[in-house]
Amino acid sequence: MALHNELGEQGEKMAEAWLKEKGYEILHLNWKYSYYEIDIIALKNKILHIIEVKSRKYFPGAFPEESVTQKKFRRLQRAADQFLALNPGYKWMQYDVLAVTVYRNGRVEYFLMEDIYLR
C-alpha cells in the first residue's frame, strides 16, 4: 500500500476516535455506493454529518482541507443523495471536512470545518 494511502487510513481512524470524543455517534465508515464514497457518516444533536477526512503530514503552508475540490465535493453530494435515498428519515444534514495534520514529533492536529458548501 502506498504511504499516502496508509496515512489516509490512519487519519480516518484518528478522525473517528476524535469525533467520538466530541460526542458524535459514528454510523458508517467508508460508506460506498457505486463509485461514490463517504469517509464518515455520523450523528450529533439529531444532525446527520457527511464527513470528508483529509490527512497530511505537516508541511509549512499546506493544509489538508485545501485538497477538497469542487469536483470532490460534488461527488460527496452525490454519495449523500444516494445514502439519503436508501436511508430516509433524517431531518437535518450537513457536510463537514475534518483535516488531520500529523507532525514529525507525533503531535496530531484536528481542524473541523462544519456545514460547508462549495459551488
N, C-alpha and C. Protein backbone atom coordinates (compact mmCIF):
# COMPACT_ATOMS: atom_id res chain seq x y z
N MET A 1 0.85 -1.18 0.00
CA MET A 1 0.00 0.00 0.00
C MET A 1 0.89 1.24 0.00
N ALA A 2 0.53 2.24 -0.78
CA ALA A 2 1.30 3.48 -0.86
C ALA A 2 1.25 4.20 0.48
N LEU A 3 2.32 4.95 0.79
CA LEU A 3 2.39 5.66 2.06
C LEU A 3 1.24 6.64 2.25
N HIS A 4 0.85 7.35 1.17
CA HIS A 4 -0.25 8.31 1.32
C HIS A 4 -1.56 7.60 1.62
N ASN A 5 -1.74 6.37 1.12
CA ASN A 5 -2.94 5.60 1.45
C ASN A 5 -2.92 5.15 2.90
N GLU A 6 -1.74 4.77 3.39
CA GLU A 6 -1.61 4.38 4.80
C GLU A 6 -1.94 5.56 5.70
N LEU A 7 -1.40 6.73 5.37
CA LEU A 7 -1.69 7.92 6.17
C LEU A 7 -3.18 8.24 6.11
N GLY A 8 -3.79 8.06 4.95
CA GLY A 8 -5.22 8.30 4.82
C GLY A 8 -6.03 7.39 5.72
N GLU A 9 -5.67 6.10 5.75
CA GLU A 9 -6.38 5.15 6.62
C GLU A 9 -6.15 5.49 8.09
N GLN A 10 -4.91 5.80 8.44
CA GLN A 10 -4.61 6.17 9.83
C GLN A 10 -5.36 7.44 10.21
N GLY A 11 -5.40 8.39 9.28
CA GLY A 11 -6.11 9.64 9.54
C GLY A 11 -7.58 9.42 9.77
N GLU A 12 -8.18 8.51 9.01
CA GLU A 12 -9.60 8.22 9.21
C GLU A 12 -9.85 7.55 10.56
N LYS A 13 -8.94 6.69 10.99
CA LYS A 13 -9.08 6.07 12.31
C LYS A 13 -8.94 7.11 13.42
N MET A 14 -7.96 8.01 13.26
CA MET A 14 -7.78 9.08 14.25
C MET A 14 -9.00 10.00 14.26
N ALA A 15 -9.53 10.30 13.07
CA ALA A 15 -10.71 11.16 12.96
C ALA A 15 -11.90 10.51 13.65
N GLU A 16 -12.08 9.22 13.44
CA GLU A 16 -13.18 8.50 14.09
C GLU A 16 -13.09 8.63 15.61
N ALA A 17 -11.91 8.38 16.16
CA ALA A 17 -11.72 8.47 17.61
C ALA A 17 -11.98 9.90 18.11
N TRP A 18 -11.47 10.88 17.37
CA TRP A 18 -11.64 12.28 17.76
C TRP A 18 -13.11 12.67 17.75
N LEU A 19 -13.83 12.26 16.71
CA LEU A 19 -15.25 12.58 16.62
C LEU A 19 -16.04 11.94 17.77
N LYS A 20 -15.70 10.69 18.11
CA LYS A 20 -16.37 10.03 19.23
C LYS A 20 -16.13 10.81 20.53
N GLU A 21 -14.89 11.28 20.72
CA GLU A 21 -14.58 12.09 21.91
C GLU A 21 -15.43 13.35 21.96
N LYS A 22 -15.76 13.88 20.80
CA LYS A 22 -16.54 15.12 20.71
C LYS A 22 -18.04 14.87 20.74
N GLY A 23 -18.45 13.62 20.93
CA GLY A 23 -19.86 13.31 21.10
C GLY A 23 -20.61 12.87 19.85
N TYR A 24 -19.89 12.59 18.78
CA TYR A 24 -20.53 12.11 17.56
C TYR A 24 -20.78 10.61 17.66
N GLU A 25 -21.91 10.18 17.14
CA GLU A 25 -22.20 8.75 17.01
C GLU A 25 -21.84 8.35 15.58
N ILE A 26 -20.87 7.48 15.44
CA ILE A 26 -20.42 7.05 14.12
C ILE A 26 -21.40 6.01 13.58
N LEU A 27 -22.01 6.31 12.44
CA LEU A 27 -22.96 5.39 11.82
C LEU A 27 -22.30 4.50 10.78
N HIS A 28 -21.42 5.09 9.97
CA HIS A 28 -20.75 4.34 8.91
C HIS A 28 -19.35 4.89 8.68
N LEU A 29 -18.44 3.99 8.35
CA LEU A 29 -17.09 4.36 7.93
C LEU A 29 -16.91 3.88 6.49
N ASN A 30 -16.38 4.74 5.64
CA ASN A 30 -16.13 4.40 4.24
C ASN A 30 -17.36 3.80 3.57
N TRP A 31 -18.49 4.49 3.71
CA TRP A 31 -19.73 4.04 3.10
C TRP A 31 -19.63 4.21 1.60
N LYS A 32 -19.91 3.14 0.86
CA LYS A 32 -19.77 3.15 -0.60
C LYS A 32 -21.10 2.85 -1.27
N TYR A 33 -21.31 3.54 -2.38
CA TYR A 33 -22.43 3.24 -3.26
C TYR A 33 -21.94 3.49 -4.68
N SER A 34 -21.96 2.44 -5.49
CA SER A 34 -21.42 2.52 -6.84
C SER A 34 -19.97 2.98 -6.74
N TYR A 35 -19.61 4.08 -7.37
CA TYR A 35 -18.23 4.54 -7.25
C TYR A 35 -18.12 5.79 -6.39
N TYR A 36 -19.13 6.03 -5.56
CA TYR A 36 -19.11 7.14 -4.62
C TYR A 36 -18.76 6.61 -3.23
N GLU A 37 -18.12 7.46 -2.44
CA GLU A 37 -17.75 7.04 -1.08
C GLU A 37 -17.84 8.23 -0.13
N ILE A 38 -18.28 7.93 1.08
CA ILE A 38 -18.29 8.91 2.17
C ILE A 38 -17.38 8.36 3.25
N ASP A 39 -16.39 9.17 3.67
CA ASP A 39 -15.43 8.69 4.67
C ASP A 39 -16.11 8.34 5.99
N ILE A 40 -16.88 9.30 6.52
CA ILE A 40 -17.56 9.06 7.81
C ILE A 40 -18.96 9.65 7.74
N ILE A 41 -19.92 8.86 8.19
CA ILE A 41 -21.29 9.34 8.37
C ILE A 41 -21.55 9.25 9.86
N ALA A 42 -21.92 10.38 10.45
CA ALA A 42 -22.09 10.44 11.90
C ALA A 42 -23.34 11.23 12.26
N LEU A 43 -23.75 11.07 13.50
CA LEU A 43 -24.93 11.76 14.01
C LEU A 43 -24.54 12.49 15.29
N LYS A 44 -24.97 13.75 15.39
CA LYS A 44 -24.77 14.51 16.63
C LYS A 44 -25.89 15.54 16.72
N ASN A 45 -26.55 15.58 17.85
CA ASN A 45 -27.64 16.53 18.08
C ASN A 45 -28.70 16.46 16.97
N LYS A 46 -29.04 15.25 16.56
CA LYS A 46 -30.06 14.99 15.54
C LYS A 46 -29.67 15.48 14.15
N ILE A 47 -28.42 15.85 13.95
CA ILE A 47 -27.93 16.29 12.64
C ILE A 47 -27.06 15.19 12.05
N LEU A 48 -27.36 14.82 10.81
CA LEU A 48 -26.55 13.85 10.09
C LEU A 48 -25.35 14.59 9.50
N HIS A 49 -24.16 14.09 9.81
CA HIS A 49 -22.92 14.71 9.33
C HIS A 49 -22.29 13.82 8.27
N ILE A 50 -22.11 14.37 7.09
CA ILE A 50 -21.41 13.71 5.99
C ILE A 50 -20.00 14.29 6.02
N ILE A 51 -19.02 13.47 6.41
CA ILE A 51 -17.69 13.99 6.73
C ILE A 51 -16.64 13.46 5.77
N GLU A 52 -15.94 14.39 5.15
CA GLU A 52 -14.78 14.08 4.31
C GLU A 52 -13.55 14.29 5.18
N VAL A 53 -12.71 13.27 5.28
CA VAL A 53 -11.50 13.35 6.09
C VAL A 53 -10.30 13.53 5.16
N LYS A 54 -9.47 14.51 5.47
CA LYS A 54 -8.24 14.74 4.72
C LYS A 54 -7.08 14.73 5.70
N SER A 55 -6.10 13.87 5.44
CA SER A 55 -4.96 13.71 6.34
C SER A 55 -3.68 14.05 5.58
N ARG A 56 -2.78 14.74 6.27
CA ARG A 56 -1.49 15.09 5.67
C ARG A 56 -0.43 15.14 6.75
N LYS A 57 0.80 14.87 6.34
CA LYS A 57 1.93 15.17 7.20
C LYS A 57 2.14 16.67 7.13
N TYR A 58 2.59 17.25 8.24
CA TYR A 58 2.77 18.70 8.28
C TYR A 58 3.79 19.15 7.25
N PHE A 59 3.42 20.17 6.52
CA PHE A 59 4.32 20.85 5.59
C PHE A 59 3.91 22.32 5.62
N PRO A 60 4.86 23.22 5.90
CA PRO A 60 4.51 24.64 6.04
C PRO A 60 3.73 25.16 4.82
N GLY A 61 2.61 25.79 5.08
CA GLY A 61 1.81 26.39 4.02
C GLY A 61 0.87 25.44 3.31
N ALA A 62 0.89 24.17 3.65
CA ALA A 62 0.00 23.19 3.02
C ALA A 62 -1.02 22.72 4.06
N PHE A 63 -2.27 22.82 3.72
CA PHE A 63 -3.33 22.46 4.65
C PHE A 63 -4.19 21.35 4.05
N PRO A 64 -4.46 20.28 4.80
CA PRO A 64 -5.21 19.15 4.25
C PRO A 64 -6.56 19.55 3.67
N GLU A 65 -7.25 20.46 4.34
CA GLU A 65 -8.60 20.83 3.91
C GLU A 65 -8.62 21.50 2.53
N GLU A 66 -7.49 22.03 2.10
CA GLU A 66 -7.43 22.68 0.78
C GLU A 66 -7.54 21.68 -0.36
N SER A 67 -7.38 20.40 -0.06
CA SER A 67 -7.45 19.39 -1.12
C SER A 67 -8.88 18.95 -1.45
N VAL A 68 -9.86 19.53 -0.78
CA VAL A 68 -11.26 19.24 -1.11
C VAL A 68 -11.67 20.19 -2.24
N THR A 69 -11.74 19.65 -3.44
CA THR A 69 -12.06 20.44 -4.62
C THR A 69 -13.57 20.46 -4.86
N GLN A 70 -13.98 21.30 -5.79
CA GLN A 70 -15.39 21.33 -6.17
C GLN A 70 -15.83 19.98 -6.71
N LYS A 71 -14.96 19.35 -7.50
CA LYS A 71 -15.28 18.04 -8.06
C LYS A 71 -15.48 17.01 -6.94
N LYS A 72 -14.57 17.01 -5.97
CA LYS A 72 -14.68 16.08 -4.85
C LYS A 72 -15.96 16.35 -4.06
N PHE A 73 -16.27 17.64 -3.87
CA PHE A 73 -17.47 17.99 -3.12
C PHE A 73 -18.73 17.53 -3.85
N ARG A 74 -18.78 17.67 -5.18
CA ARG A 74 -19.93 17.19 -5.95
C ARG A 74 -20.10 15.68 -5.80
N ARG A 75 -18.99 14.96 -5.80
CA ARG A 75 -19.05 13.50 -5.62
C ARG A 75 -19.57 13.17 -4.22
N LEU A 76 -19.15 13.95 -3.24
CA LEU A 76 -19.63 13.76 -1.87
C LEU A 76 -21.14 14.02 -1.81
N GLN A 77 -21.61 15.04 -2.50
CA GLN A 77 -23.04 15.33 -2.54
C GLN A 77 -23.82 14.18 -3.19
N ARG A 78 -23.30 13.65 -4.27
CA ARG A 78 -23.98 12.54 -4.94
C ARG A 78 -24.04 11.32 -4.03
N ALA A 79 -22.96 11.06 -3.32
CA ALA A 79 -22.95 9.94 -2.38
C ALA A 79 -23.98 10.17 -1.28
N ALA A 80 -24.04 11.39 -0.77
CA ALA A 80 -25.01 11.71 0.29
C ALA A 80 -26.44 11.56 -0.23
N ASP A 81 -26.68 11.98 -1.47
CA ASP A 81 -28.01 11.82 -2.06
C ASP A 81 -28.40 10.34 -2.08
N GLN A 82 -27.47 9.49 -2.47
CA GLN A 82 -27.74 8.05 -2.51
C GLN A 82 -27.98 7.51 -1.10
N PHE A 83 -27.16 7.95 -0.15
CA PHE A 83 -27.33 7.49 1.23
C PHE A 83 -28.72 7.87 1.74
N LEU A 84 -29.12 9.11 1.50
CA LEU A 84 -30.43 9.57 1.99
C LEU A 84 -31.58 8.87 1.27
N ALA A 85 -31.40 8.53 0.00
CA ALA A 85 -32.44 7.79 -0.72
C ALA A 85 -32.62 6.40 -0.13
N LEU A 86 -31.52 5.80 0.30
CA LEU A 86 -31.57 4.45 0.88
C LEU A 86 -31.89 4.47 2.38
N ASN A 87 -31.68 5.62 3.01
CA ASN A 87 -31.88 5.76 4.46
C ASN A 87 -32.68 7.02 4.75
N PRO A 88 -33.96 7.05 4.38
CA PRO A 88 -34.75 8.26 4.59
C PRO A 88 -35.03 8.49 6.08
N GLY A 89 -35.46 9.69 6.38
CA GLY A 89 -35.87 9.96 7.75
C GLY A 89 -35.00 10.95 8.49
N TYR A 90 -33.89 11.34 7.89
CA TYR A 90 -33.05 12.34 8.55
C TYR A 90 -33.58 13.72 8.20
N LYS A 91 -33.84 14.52 9.22
CA LYS A 91 -34.43 15.83 9.00
C LYS A 91 -33.37 16.88 8.67
N TRP A 92 -32.22 16.79 9.32
CA TRP A 92 -31.15 17.76 9.10
C TRP A 92 -29.87 17.04 8.71
N MET A 93 -29.14 17.66 7.80
CA MET A 93 -27.88 17.09 7.33
C MET A 93 -26.92 18.22 7.01
N GLN A 94 -25.64 17.95 7.20
CA GLN A 94 -24.64 18.93 6.78
C GLN A 94 -23.38 18.21 6.32
N TYR A 95 -22.62 18.93 5.50
CA TYR A 95 -21.33 18.44 5.01
C TYR A 95 -20.23 19.06 5.86
N ASP A 96 -19.29 18.23 6.29
CA ASP A 96 -18.16 18.70 7.08
C ASP A 96 -16.87 18.18 6.46
N VAL A 97 -15.79 18.91 6.70
CA VAL A 97 -14.45 18.44 6.33
C VAL A 97 -13.63 18.41 7.61
N LEU A 98 -13.02 17.27 7.89
CA LEU A 98 -12.15 17.13 9.05
C LEU A 98 -10.72 16.95 8.56
N ALA A 99 -9.90 17.97 8.82
CA ALA A 99 -8.49 17.93 8.41
C ALA A 99 -7.66 17.39 9.57
N VAL A 100 -6.82 16.42 9.27
CA VAL A 100 -5.95 15.81 10.27
C VAL A 100 -4.51 16.06 9.82
N THR A 101 -3.76 16.79 10.65
CA THR A 101 -2.37 17.09 10.34
C THR A 101 -1.49 16.36 11.34
N VAL A 102 -0.54 15.58 10.83
CA VAL A 102 0.37 14.82 11.68
C VAL A 102 1.75 15.47 11.60
N TYR A 103 2.28 15.85 12.76
CA TYR A 103 3.59 16.49 12.83
C TYR A 103 4.69 15.46 13.03
N ARG A 104 5.92 15.86 12.74
CA ARG A 104 7.06 14.94 12.87
C ARG A 104 7.21 14.37 14.28
N ASN A 105 6.90 15.20 15.28
CA ASN A 105 7.05 14.75 16.67
C ASN A 105 5.89 13.86 17.13
N GLY A 106 4.95 13.57 16.21
CA GLY A 106 3.83 12.70 16.54
C GLY A 106 2.57 13.43 16.96
N ARG A 107 2.70 14.73 17.18
CA ARG A 107 1.51 15.51 17.56
C ARG A 107 0.52 15.51 16.40
N VAL A 108 -0.76 15.44 16.74
CA VAL A 108 -1.82 15.44 15.73
C VAL A 108 -2.73 16.63 15.98
N GLU A 109 -3.05 17.33 14.90
CA GLU A 109 -3.93 18.49 14.99
C GLU A 109 -5.18 18.23 14.15
N TYR A 110 -6.34 18.56 14.71
CA TYR A 110 -7.62 18.36 14.03
C TYR A 110 -8.25 19.73 13.76
N PHE A 111 -8.79 19.88 12.57
CA PHE A 111 -9.49 21.11 12.21
C PHE A 111 -10.78 20.71 11.52
N LEU A 112 -11.91 20.99 12.18
CA LEU A 112 -13.22 20.61 11.66
C LEU A 112 -13.90 21.83 11.04
N MET A 113 -14.15 21.73 9.74
CA MET A 113 -14.91 22.76 9.03
C MET A 113 -16.33 22.23 8.92
N GLU A 114 -17.25 22.90 9.60
CA GLU A 114 -18.62 22.40 9.66
C GLU A 114 -19.54 23.12 8.69
N ASP A 115 -20.52 22.36 8.20
CA ASP A 115 -21.60 22.89 7.38
C ASP A 115 -21.06 23.67 6.18
N ILE A 116 -20.20 23.02 5.41
CA ILE A 116 -19.58 23.68 4.26
C ILE A 116 -20.42 23.48 3.01
N TYR A 117 -20.17 24.33 2.05
CA TYR A 117 -20.79 24.18 0.73
C TYR A 117 -19.85 24.79 -0.29
N LEU A 118 -19.48 24.02 -1.29
CA LEU A 118 -18.64 24.51 -2.38
C LEU A 118 -19.46 24.52 -3.65
N ARG A 119 -19.40 25.59 -4.38
CA ARG A 119 -20.12 25.66 -5.66
C ARG A 119 -19.23 25.24 -6.79
